[in-house]
Amino acid sequence: MPERSAAEISILPAGGVEPRLGELAALMRDCVHAGASINFVLPFSMADSEGFWRTRILPDVRAGTRVLFIAEVDGRIVGTVQLDHGTPPNQPHRAEVAKLMVHPDFRGHGLARGLMGALEAHARRLGRTLITLDTRTGDAAEPLYASLGYETAGIIPGFCRDTVEDRYDPTTVMYKHL
């Protein structure tokens, strides 16, 4: 990471999402173009990314069932993760990690770890005691999650299409008791 100020991690409230849709969309686009397996494949445009944030994330943030954490450096969003706690009535103790992203230029400097720490602290405040997630098997995020105490529940072969190549990759399902 070039010489920059320290990252600030915070929750982006519902009212703050729409004014920053362009930044969120650019972050996601850059991550997908760098090979991040976060449900999208190339070609992936800014319009695709903005549509995702506007139609899939913003409604849940407004409804209060999803919390959006951001990491900012010099006022720019360079990382994000979501805590989806809109669970069914028989799972009030559980929440899910979604879309951990750090801009390629800012990776390797603890931002993902910081975002996950904020997410877990918030999950505890919500009374959630089990966190689940899935990640493409073999990605850099998998050892990160393991180092944070997440355990592997299993691997599902052929779970998702690769971002660039015409093949299906496995996903690792992980969990952590808080």
N, C-alpha and C. Protein backbone atom coordinates (compact mmCIF):
# COMPACT_ATOMS: atom_id res chain seq x y z
N MET A 1 0.86 -1.17 0.00
CA MET A 1 0.00 0.00 0.00
C MET A 1 0.90 1.22 0.00
N PRO A 2 0.67 2.16 -0.89
CA PRO A 2 1.47 3.37 -0.90
C PRO A 2 1.31 4.13 0.42
N GLU A 3 2.22 5.08 0.66
CA GLU A 3 2.15 5.89 1.87
C GLU A 3 0.77 6.54 1.97
N ARG A 4 0.02 6.12 2.96
CA ARG A 4 -1.33 6.67 3.15
C ARG A 4 -1.63 6.66 4.64
N SER A 5 -2.67 7.38 5.00
CA SER A 5 -3.07 7.35 6.40
C SER A 5 -3.68 6.00 6.74
N ALA A 6 -3.80 5.75 8.03
CA ALA A 6 -4.35 4.48 8.49
C ALA A 6 -5.81 4.34 8.06
N ALA A 7 -6.22 3.09 7.93
CA ALA A 7 -7.60 2.82 7.54
C ALA A 7 -8.54 3.06 8.71
N GLU A 8 -9.70 3.57 8.40
CA GLU A 8 -10.77 3.73 9.37
C GLU A 8 -11.87 2.76 9.00
N ILE A 9 -12.31 1.97 9.97
CA ILE A 9 -13.36 0.99 9.73
C ILE A 9 -14.61 1.45 10.46
N SER A 10 -15.72 1.44 9.74
CA SER A 10 -16.98 1.90 10.32
C SER A 10 -18.15 1.21 9.63
N ILE A 11 -19.32 1.44 10.19
CA ILE A 11 -20.56 0.97 9.57
C ILE A 11 -21.08 2.08 8.66
N LEU A 12 -21.43 1.71 7.43
CA LEU A 12 -22.04 2.67 6.52
C LEU A 12 -23.56 2.54 6.68
N PRO A 13 -24.21 3.53 7.26
CA PRO A 13 -25.66 3.43 7.47
C PRO A 13 -26.42 3.50 6.15
N ALA A 14 -27.67 3.11 6.20
CA ALA A 14 -28.50 3.06 4.99
C ALA A 14 -28.47 4.38 4.24
N GLY A 15 -28.57 5.49 4.95
CA GLY A 15 -28.57 6.79 4.30
C GLY A 15 -27.25 7.14 3.64
N GLY A 16 -26.18 6.44 4.00
CA GLY A 16 -24.87 6.70 3.41
C GLY A 16 -24.55 5.83 2.22
N VAL A 17 -25.36 4.81 1.97
CA VAL A 17 -25.05 3.88 0.89
C VAL A 17 -25.26 4.53 -0.47
N GLU A 18 -26.43 5.10 -0.70
CA GLU A 18 -26.73 5.64 -2.03
C GLU A 18 -25.74 6.74 -2.45
N PRO A 19 -25.38 7.69 -1.58
CA PRO A 19 -24.42 8.71 -2.01
C PRO A 19 -23.04 8.14 -2.36
N ARG A 20 -22.74 6.92 -1.89
CA ARG A 20 -21.42 6.34 -2.13
C ARG A 20 -21.49 5.11 -3.04
N LEU A 21 -22.62 4.97 -3.76
CA LEU A 21 -22.79 3.83 -4.68
C LEU A 21 -21.67 3.75 -5.70
N GLY A 22 -21.23 4.88 -6.21
CA GLY A 22 -20.15 4.88 -7.20
C GLY A 22 -18.87 4.29 -6.64
N GLU A 23 -18.52 4.65 -5.40
CA GLU A 23 -17.32 4.10 -4.77
C GLU A 23 -17.45 2.61 -4.52
N LEU A 24 -18.61 2.20 -3.99
CA LEU A 24 -18.85 0.78 -3.71
C LEU A 24 -18.80 -0.02 -5.01
N ALA A 25 -19.43 0.52 -6.06
CA ALA A 25 -19.45 -0.17 -7.34
C ALA A 25 -18.04 -0.28 -7.93
N ALA A 26 -17.26 0.77 -7.82
CA ALA A 26 -15.88 0.74 -8.35
C ALA A 26 -15.04 -0.27 -7.59
N LEU A 27 -15.21 -0.33 -6.27
CA LEU A 27 -14.47 -1.31 -5.47
C LEU A 27 -14.81 -2.73 -5.93
N MET A 28 -16.09 -3.02 -6.05
CA MET A 28 -16.51 -4.35 -6.46
C MET A 28 -16.01 -4.68 -7.87
N ARG A 29 -16.16 -3.74 -8.78
CA ARG A 29 -15.69 -3.96 -10.16
C ARG A 29 -14.20 -4.27 -10.17
N ASP A 30 -13.41 -3.48 -9.42
CA ASP A 30 -11.96 -3.69 -9.40
C ASP A 30 -11.61 -5.04 -8.79
N CYS A 31 -12.34 -5.45 -7.76
CA CYS A 31 -12.08 -6.76 -7.13
C CYS A 31 -12.43 -7.90 -8.08
N VAL A 32 -13.56 -7.81 -8.76
CA VAL A 32 -13.96 -8.85 -9.71
C VAL A 32 -12.95 -8.92 -10.86
N HIS A 33 -12.52 -7.77 -11.36
CA HIS A 33 -11.54 -7.75 -12.44
C HIS A 33 -10.19 -8.30 -11.99
N ALA A 34 -9.92 -8.29 -10.68
CA ALA A 34 -8.69 -8.86 -10.13
C ALA A 34 -8.86 -10.35 -9.79
N GLY A 35 -10.05 -10.93 -10.11
CA GLY A 35 -10.26 -12.36 -9.92
C GLY A 35 -11.04 -12.75 -8.69
N ALA A 36 -11.56 -11.79 -7.92
CA ALA A 36 -12.32 -12.13 -6.71
C ALA A 36 -13.57 -12.93 -7.09
N SER A 37 -13.77 -14.02 -6.38
CA SER A 37 -14.94 -14.87 -6.60
C SER A 37 -16.04 -14.43 -5.65
N ILE A 38 -16.79 -13.41 -6.06
CA ILE A 38 -17.85 -12.86 -5.22
C ILE A 38 -19.17 -12.82 -5.99
N ASN A 39 -19.42 -13.89 -6.72
CA ASN A 39 -20.67 -14.14 -7.44
C ASN A 39 -20.76 -13.56 -8.84
N PHE A 40 -19.71 -12.95 -9.35
CA PHE A 40 -19.79 -12.33 -10.66
C PHE A 40 -18.70 -12.86 -11.57
N VAL A 41 -18.93 -12.76 -12.87
CA VAL A 41 -17.97 -13.20 -13.88
C VAL A 41 -17.76 -12.07 -14.88
N LEU A 42 -16.65 -12.14 -15.57
CA LEU A 42 -16.34 -11.14 -16.59
C LEU A 42 -17.11 -11.46 -17.87
N PRO A 43 -17.56 -10.49 -18.61
CA PRO A 43 -17.39 -9.06 -18.35
C PRO A 43 -18.31 -8.58 -17.23
N PHE A 44 -17.83 -7.62 -16.46
CA PHE A 44 -18.55 -7.08 -15.32
C PHE A 44 -18.35 -5.57 -15.33
N SER A 45 -19.43 -4.84 -15.54
CA SER A 45 -19.35 -3.39 -15.73
C SER A 45 -19.70 -2.63 -14.45
N MET A 46 -19.45 -1.33 -14.50
CA MET A 46 -19.87 -0.45 -13.40
C MET A 46 -21.38 -0.50 -13.25
N ALA A 47 -22.11 -0.56 -14.36
CA ALA A 47 -23.57 -0.63 -14.29
C ALA A 47 -24.02 -1.91 -13.59
N ASP A 48 -23.35 -3.04 -13.90
CA ASP A 48 -23.67 -4.30 -13.21
C ASP A 48 -23.44 -4.16 -11.71
N SER A 49 -22.32 -3.57 -11.37
CA SER A 49 -21.95 -3.42 -9.96
C SER A 49 -22.91 -2.48 -9.24
N GLU A 50 -23.19 -1.34 -9.83
CA GLU A 50 -24.13 -0.40 -9.21
C GLU A 50 -25.50 -1.04 -9.03
N GLY A 51 -25.93 -1.80 -10.02
CA GLY A 51 -27.22 -2.47 -9.91
C GLY A 51 -27.26 -3.45 -8.76
N PHE A 52 -26.17 -4.17 -8.55
CA PHE A 52 -26.10 -5.10 -7.42
C PHE A 52 -26.26 -4.36 -6.10
N TRP A 53 -25.49 -3.30 -5.91
CA TRP A 53 -25.56 -2.56 -4.65
C TRP A 53 -26.96 -1.96 -4.45
N ARG A 54 -27.53 -1.41 -5.51
CA ARG A 54 -28.82 -0.73 -5.41
C ARG A 54 -29.98 -1.70 -5.15
N THR A 55 -29.97 -2.86 -5.84
CA THR A 55 -31.14 -3.75 -5.75
C THR A 55 -30.98 -4.89 -4.75
N ARG A 56 -29.74 -5.31 -4.48
CA ARG A 56 -29.54 -6.47 -3.60
C ARG A 56 -29.09 -6.09 -2.19
N ILE A 57 -28.29 -5.05 -2.04
CA ILE A 57 -27.73 -4.72 -0.74
C ILE A 57 -28.50 -3.59 -0.06
N LEU A 58 -28.71 -2.50 -0.75
CA LEU A 58 -29.38 -1.34 -0.15
C LEU A 58 -30.72 -1.69 0.50
N PRO A 59 -31.59 -2.48 -0.13
CA PRO A 59 -32.86 -2.81 0.54
C PRO A 59 -32.67 -3.53 1.88
N ASP A 60 -31.70 -4.44 1.97
CA ASP A 60 -31.46 -5.16 3.22
C ASP A 60 -30.85 -4.25 4.28
N VAL A 61 -29.98 -3.32 3.86
CA VAL A 61 -29.41 -2.37 4.81
C VAL A 61 -30.53 -1.48 5.34
N ARG A 62 -31.39 -1.01 4.45
CA ARG A 62 -32.53 -0.18 4.88
C ARG A 62 -33.46 -0.95 5.81
N ALA A 63 -33.65 -2.24 5.54
CA ALA A 63 -34.54 -3.07 6.36
C ALA A 63 -33.91 -3.42 7.71
N GLY A 64 -32.61 -3.19 7.85
CA GLY A 64 -31.94 -3.49 9.12
C GLY A 64 -31.54 -4.94 9.28
N THR A 65 -31.53 -5.71 8.18
CA THR A 65 -31.15 -7.12 8.27
C THR A 65 -29.74 -7.38 7.76
N ARG A 66 -29.08 -6.33 7.31
CA ARG A 66 -27.71 -6.44 6.80
C ARG A 66 -26.94 -5.20 7.27
N VAL A 67 -25.73 -5.44 7.75
CA VAL A 67 -24.87 -4.34 8.19
C VAL A 67 -23.69 -4.27 7.23
N LEU A 68 -23.41 -3.08 6.72
CA LEU A 68 -22.35 -2.86 5.76
C LEU A 68 -21.19 -2.14 6.44
N PHE A 69 -20.06 -2.82 6.52
CA PHE A 69 -18.85 -2.25 7.10
C PHE A 69 -17.96 -1.78 5.96
N ILE A 70 -17.31 -0.63 6.17
CA ILE A 70 -16.38 -0.13 5.16
C ILE A 70 -15.04 0.16 5.81
N ALA A 71 -13.99 0.03 5.03
CA ALA A 71 -12.65 0.47 5.41
C ALA A 71 -12.31 1.63 4.48
N GLU A 72 -11.93 2.76 5.06
CA GLU A 72 -11.59 3.94 4.27
C GLU A 72 -10.14 4.33 4.53
N VAL A 73 -9.49 4.74 3.47
CA VAL A 73 -8.16 5.33 3.56
C VAL A 73 -8.25 6.68 2.85
N ASP A 74 -7.89 7.73 3.56
CA ASP A 74 -7.96 9.08 3.00
C ASP A 74 -9.34 9.38 2.43
N GLY A 75 -10.39 8.89 3.12
CA GLY A 75 -11.76 9.17 2.71
C GLY A 75 -12.28 8.32 1.57
N ARG A 76 -11.47 7.38 1.07
CA ARG A 76 -11.87 6.52 -0.04
C ARG A 76 -12.20 5.13 0.48
N ILE A 77 -13.32 4.56 0.03
CA ILE A 77 -13.67 3.19 0.42
C ILE A 77 -12.74 2.23 -0.31
N VAL A 78 -11.94 1.48 0.48
CA VAL A 78 -10.99 0.53 -0.10
C VAL A 78 -11.27 -0.90 0.34
N GLY A 79 -12.28 -1.08 1.17
CA GLY A 79 -12.64 -2.42 1.62
C GLY A 79 -14.05 -2.41 2.19
N THR A 80 -14.66 -3.58 2.19
CA THR A 80 -16.00 -3.71 2.73
C THR A 80 -16.29 -5.17 3.06
N VAL A 81 -17.23 -5.36 3.98
CA VAL A 81 -17.77 -6.68 4.29
C VAL A 81 -19.18 -6.47 4.83
N GLN A 82 -20.00 -7.49 4.71
CA GLN A 82 -21.38 -7.39 5.17
C GLN A 82 -21.69 -8.47 6.18
N LEU A 83 -22.51 -8.12 7.15
CA LEU A 83 -23.04 -9.08 8.12
C LEU A 83 -24.52 -9.22 7.83
N ASP A 84 -24.91 -10.37 7.30
CA ASP A 84 -26.31 -10.65 7.01
C ASP A 84 -26.89 -11.36 8.21
N HIS A 85 -27.77 -10.66 8.93
CA HIS A 85 -28.39 -11.27 10.11
C HIS A 85 -29.91 -11.37 9.94
N GLY A 86 -30.35 -11.38 8.68
CA GLY A 86 -31.76 -11.57 8.37
C GLY A 86 -32.08 -13.05 8.28
N THR A 87 -31.96 -13.73 9.39
CA THR A 87 -32.11 -15.18 9.43
C THR A 87 -33.54 -15.60 9.76
N PRO A 88 -33.89 -16.83 9.44
CA PRO A 88 -35.23 -17.34 9.76
C PRO A 88 -35.45 -17.44 11.27
N PRO A 89 -36.70 -17.59 11.69
CA PRO A 89 -37.01 -17.64 13.13
C PRO A 89 -36.28 -18.74 13.90
N ASN A 90 -35.92 -19.83 13.24
CA ASN A 90 -35.24 -20.91 13.97
C ASN A 90 -33.72 -20.73 14.01
N GLN A 91 -33.23 -19.57 13.52
CA GLN A 91 -31.79 -19.31 13.52
C GLN A 91 -31.45 -17.92 14.06
N PRO A 92 -32.05 -17.52 15.19
CA PRO A 92 -31.79 -16.17 15.70
C PRO A 92 -30.38 -16.00 16.26
N HIS A 93 -29.66 -17.09 16.40
CA HIS A 93 -28.31 -17.07 16.97
C HIS A 93 -27.23 -16.95 15.90
N ARG A 94 -27.60 -16.97 14.61
CA ARG A 94 -26.65 -17.09 13.52
C ARG A 94 -26.66 -15.86 12.62
N ALA A 95 -25.52 -15.60 11.99
CA ALA A 95 -25.41 -14.57 10.96
C ALA A 95 -24.40 -15.05 9.93
N GLU A 96 -24.37 -14.38 8.79
CA GLU A 96 -23.50 -14.82 7.71
C GLU A 96 -22.61 -13.67 7.24
N VAL A 97 -21.37 -13.99 6.94
CA VAL A 97 -20.43 -13.05 6.34
C VAL A 97 -20.68 -13.05 4.84
N ALA A 98 -20.72 -11.85 4.26
CA ALA A 98 -20.92 -11.75 2.82
C ALA A 98 -19.97 -10.72 2.22
N LYS A 99 -19.41 -11.07 1.08
CA LYS A 99 -18.67 -10.15 0.21
C LYS A 99 -17.54 -9.38 0.90
N LEU A 100 -16.62 -10.10 1.52
CA LEU A 100 -15.42 -9.45 2.03
C LEU A 100 -14.58 -9.04 0.82
N MET A 101 -14.33 -7.74 0.69
CA MET A 101 -13.57 -7.20 -0.44
C MET A 101 -12.56 -6.19 0.05
N VAL A 102 -11.34 -6.30 -0.45
CA VAL A 102 -10.32 -5.27 -0.24
C VAL A 102 -9.76 -4.95 -1.62
N HIS A 103 -9.68 -3.68 -1.93
CA HIS A 103 -9.17 -3.27 -3.24
C HIS A 103 -7.79 -3.88 -3.43
N PRO A 104 -7.50 -4.38 -4.65
CA PRO A 104 -6.20 -5.02 -4.91
C PRO A 104 -4.99 -4.18 -4.49
N ASP A 105 -5.07 -2.86 -4.60
CA ASP A 105 -3.94 -2.00 -4.22
C ASP A 105 -3.73 -1.91 -2.71
N PHE A 106 -4.69 -2.41 -1.93
CA PHE A 106 -4.63 -2.26 -0.48
C PHE A 106 -4.58 -3.60 0.25
N ARG A 107 -4.37 -4.68 -0.47
CA ARG A 107 -4.34 -6.01 0.15
C ARG A 107 -3.02 -6.24 0.88
N GLY A 108 -3.08 -7.10 1.90
CA GLY A 108 -1.87 -7.48 2.62
C GLY A 108 -1.48 -6.52 3.73
N HIS A 109 -2.40 -5.65 4.12
CA HIS A 109 -2.09 -4.67 5.15
C HIS A 109 -3.07 -4.71 6.32
N GLY A 110 -3.78 -5.83 6.46
CA GLY A 110 -4.64 -6.01 7.62
C GLY A 110 -6.05 -5.47 7.51
N LEU A 111 -6.43 -4.96 6.36
CA LEU A 111 -7.78 -4.40 6.24
C LEU A 111 -8.86 -5.48 6.35
N ALA A 112 -8.65 -6.62 5.71
CA ALA A 112 -9.64 -7.71 5.80
C ALA A 112 -9.78 -8.17 7.25
N ARG A 113 -8.67 -8.30 7.94
CA ARG A 113 -8.68 -8.71 9.35
C ARG A 113 -9.43 -7.67 10.19
N GLY A 114 -9.19 -6.39 9.93
CA GLY A 114 -9.88 -5.34 10.66
C GLY A 114 -11.38 -5.33 10.39
N LEU A 115 -11.75 -5.52 9.13
CA LEU A 115 -13.17 -5.57 8.78
C LEU A 115 -13.85 -6.75 9.47
N MET A 116 -13.19 -7.91 9.46
CA MET A 116 -13.78 -9.09 10.11
C MET A 116 -13.89 -8.89 11.62
N GLY A 117 -12.92 -8.24 12.23
CA GLY A 117 -13.00 -7.97 13.66
C GLY A 117 -14.19 -7.08 14.00
N ALA A 118 -14.42 -6.06 13.19
CA ALA A 118 -15.57 -5.18 13.41
C ALA A 118 -16.87 -5.94 13.22
N LEU A 119 -16.92 -6.79 12.19
CA LEU A 119 -18.11 -7.60 11.92
C LEU A 119 -18.41 -8.52 13.10
N GLU A 120 -17.40 -9.20 13.61
CA GLU A 120 -17.62 -10.13 14.72
C GLU A 120 -18.04 -9.40 15.99
N ALA A 121 -17.45 -8.25 16.26
CA ALA A 121 -17.83 -7.47 17.45
C ALA A 121 -19.30 -7.06 17.34
N HIS A 122 -19.72 -6.64 16.16
CA HIS A 122 -21.11 -6.24 15.97
C HIS A 122 -22.04 -7.45 16.10
N ALA A 123 -21.64 -8.58 15.55
CA ALA A 123 -22.46 -9.79 15.67
C ALA A 123 -22.67 -10.14 17.14
N ARG A 124 -21.63 -10.02 17.94
CA ARG A 124 -21.77 -10.28 19.38
C ARG A 124 -22.78 -9.33 20.01
N ARG A 125 -22.70 -8.04 19.64
CA ARG A 125 -23.65 -7.06 20.19
C ARG A 125 -25.09 -7.41 19.79
N LEU A 126 -25.25 -8.04 18.64
CA LEU A 126 -26.59 -8.46 18.21
C LEU A 126 -27.03 -9.78 18.85
N GLY A 127 -26.14 -10.38 19.65
CA GLY A 127 -26.47 -11.65 20.30
C GLY A 127 -26.26 -12.86 19.40
N ARG A 128 -25.53 -12.69 18.31
CA ARG A 128 -25.26 -13.80 17.40
C ARG A 128 -24.05 -14.58 17.92
N THR A 129 -24.18 -15.88 17.95
CA THR A 129 -23.11 -16.72 18.50
C THR A 129 -22.49 -17.66 17.47
N LEU A 130 -23.04 -17.68 16.27
CA LEU A 130 -22.50 -18.53 15.21
C LEU A 130 -22.44 -17.71 13.93
N ILE A 131 -21.24 -17.67 13.33
CA ILE A 131 -21.05 -16.96 12.07
C ILE A 131 -20.69 -18.00 11.02
N THR A 132 -21.31 -17.89 9.84
CA THR A 132 -21.01 -18.81 8.74
C THR A 132 -20.56 -18.00 7.52
N LEU A 133 -19.87 -18.68 6.62
CA LEU A 133 -19.43 -18.05 5.38
C LEU A 133 -19.03 -19.13 4.40
N ASP A 134 -18.88 -18.73 3.15
CA ASP A 134 -18.26 -19.64 2.18
C ASP A 134 -17.27 -18.83 1.37
N THR A 135 -16.23 -19.50 0.92
CA THR A 135 -15.18 -18.87 0.14
C THR A 135 -14.67 -19.87 -0.89
N ARG A 136 -14.27 -19.37 -2.04
CA ARG A 136 -13.75 -20.27 -3.06
C ARG A 136 -12.53 -21.00 -2.50
N THR A 137 -12.55 -22.30 -2.60
CA THR A 137 -11.48 -23.14 -2.07
C THR A 137 -10.15 -22.75 -2.71
N GLY A 138 -9.17 -22.50 -1.87
CA GLY A 138 -7.84 -22.14 -2.34
C GLY A 138 -7.58 -20.66 -2.47
N ASP A 139 -8.61 -19.81 -2.32
CA ASP A 139 -8.40 -18.37 -2.38
C ASP A 139 -7.62 -17.89 -1.17
N ALA A 140 -7.07 -16.70 -1.28
CA ALA A 140 -6.29 -16.10 -0.19
C ALA A 140 -7.14 -15.89 1.06
N ALA A 141 -8.44 -15.76 0.90
CA ALA A 141 -9.30 -15.53 2.06
C ALA A 141 -9.41 -16.77 2.95
N GLU A 142 -9.27 -17.94 2.36
CA GLU A 142 -9.44 -19.18 3.14
C GLU A 142 -8.46 -19.26 4.32
N PRO A 143 -7.15 -19.07 4.14
CA PRO A 143 -6.26 -19.09 5.31
C PRO A 143 -6.48 -17.90 6.24
N LEU A 144 -6.94 -16.77 5.71
CA LEU A 144 -7.27 -15.64 6.57
C LEU A 144 -8.37 -16.04 7.54
N TYR A 145 -9.45 -16.61 7.02
CA TYR A 145 -10.56 -17.02 7.87
C TYR A 145 -10.10 -18.06 8.90
N ALA A 146 -9.29 -19.01 8.47
CA ALA A 146 -8.78 -20.03 9.40
C ALA A 146 -7.96 -19.37 10.51
N SER A 147 -7.16 -18.36 10.17
CA SER A 147 -6.34 -17.68 11.18
C SER A 147 -7.20 -16.88 12.16
N LEU A 148 -8.42 -16.56 11.75
CA LEU A 148 -9.36 -15.85 12.63
C LEU A 148 -10.21 -16.80 13.45
N GLY A 149 -9.96 -18.10 13.33
CA GLY A 149 -10.68 -19.08 14.13
C GLY A 149 -11.85 -19.75 13.45
N TYR A 150 -12.03 -19.53 12.16
CA TYR A 150 -13.11 -20.19 11.43
C TYR A 150 -12.69 -21.62 11.12
N GLU A 151 -13.62 -22.52 11.28
CA GLU A 151 -13.37 -23.94 11.02
C GLU A 151 -14.09 -24.35 9.74
N THR A 152 -13.52 -25.32 9.05
CA THR A 152 -14.11 -25.81 7.81
C THR A 152 -15.18 -26.84 8.12
N ALA A 153 -16.38 -26.59 7.61
CA ALA A 153 -17.47 -27.56 7.75
C ALA A 153 -17.42 -28.56 6.60
N GLY A 154 -16.94 -28.11 5.44
CA GLY A 154 -16.86 -28.99 4.29
C GLY A 154 -16.55 -28.22 3.02
N ILE A 155 -16.36 -28.97 1.97
CA ILE A 155 -16.07 -28.39 0.66
C ILE A 155 -17.12 -28.92 -0.32
N ILE A 156 -17.70 -28.01 -1.08
CA ILE A 156 -18.69 -28.38 -2.08
C ILE A 156 -18.04 -28.24 -3.45
N PRO A 157 -17.86 -29.36 -4.18
CA PRO A 157 -17.23 -29.28 -5.50
C PRO A 157 -18.16 -28.62 -6.52
N GLY A 158 -17.57 -27.96 -7.51
CA GLY A 158 -18.34 -27.39 -8.61
C GLY A 158 -19.37 -26.38 -8.17
N PHE A 159 -19.09 -25.61 -7.15
CA PHE A 159 -20.07 -24.71 -6.55
C PHE A 159 -20.29 -23.42 -7.35
N CYS A 160 -19.21 -22.86 -7.89
CA CYS A 160 -19.35 -21.56 -8.56
C CYS A 160 -18.47 -21.49 -9.80
N ARG A 161 -18.94 -20.72 -10.76
CA ARG A 161 -18.16 -20.53 -11.98
C ARG A 161 -17.00 -19.61 -11.68
N ASP A 162 -15.86 -19.91 -12.26
CA ASP A 162 -14.68 -19.06 -12.11
C ASP A 162 -14.97 -17.69 -12.71
N THR A 163 -14.35 -16.66 -12.16
CA THR A 163 -14.56 -15.30 -12.62
C THR A 163 -14.15 -15.12 -14.08
N VAL A 164 -13.07 -15.78 -14.48
CA VAL A 164 -12.51 -15.57 -15.82
C VAL A 164 -12.65 -16.80 -16.70
N GLU A 165 -12.26 -17.96 -16.20
CA GLU A 165 -12.22 -19.17 -17.01
C GLU A 165 -13.57 -19.89 -16.99
N ASP A 166 -13.80 -20.69 -18.02
CA ASP A 166 -15.04 -21.45 -18.13
C ASP A 166 -14.88 -22.77 -17.39
N ARG A 167 -14.92 -22.69 -16.07
CA ARG A 167 -14.82 -23.88 -15.22
C ARG A 167 -15.57 -23.60 -13.92
N TYR A 168 -15.86 -24.66 -13.18
CA TYR A 168 -16.54 -24.53 -11.90
C TYR A 168 -15.57 -24.87 -10.79
N ASP A 169 -15.54 -24.01 -9.78
CA ASP A 169 -14.62 -24.16 -8.66
C ASP A 169 -15.37 -24.62 -7.41
N PRO A 170 -14.65 -25.30 -6.51
CA PRO A 170 -15.26 -25.69 -5.25
C PRO A 170 -15.34 -24.50 -4.28
N THR A 171 -16.19 -24.61 -3.30
CA THR A 171 -16.26 -23.61 -2.23
C THR A 171 -16.08 -24.31 -0.90
N THR A 172 -15.44 -23.60 0.01
CA THR A 172 -15.24 -24.09 1.37
C THR A 172 -16.24 -23.39 2.28
N VAL A 173 -17.04 -24.17 2.99
CA VAL A 173 -18.02 -23.63 3.93
C VAL A 173 -17.36 -23.63 5.30
N MET A 174 -17.41 -22.47 5.97
CA MET A 174 -16.73 -22.31 7.24
C MET A 174 -17.67 -21.72 8.28
N TYR A 175 -17.30 -21.88 9.56
CA TYR A 175 -18.11 -21.35 10.64
C TYR A 175 -17.21 -20.99 11.82
N LYS A 176 -17.75 -20.16 12.68
CA LYS A 176 -17.05 -19.78 13.90
C LYS A 176 -18.08 -19.55 15.00
N HIS A 177 -17.83 -20.15 16.15
CA HIS A 177 -18.64 -19.88 17.33
C HIS A 177 -18.03 -18.67 18.03
N LEU A 178 -18.85 -17.68 18.29
CA LEU A 178 -18.36 -16.48 18.99
C LEU A 178 -18.47 -16.64 20.49
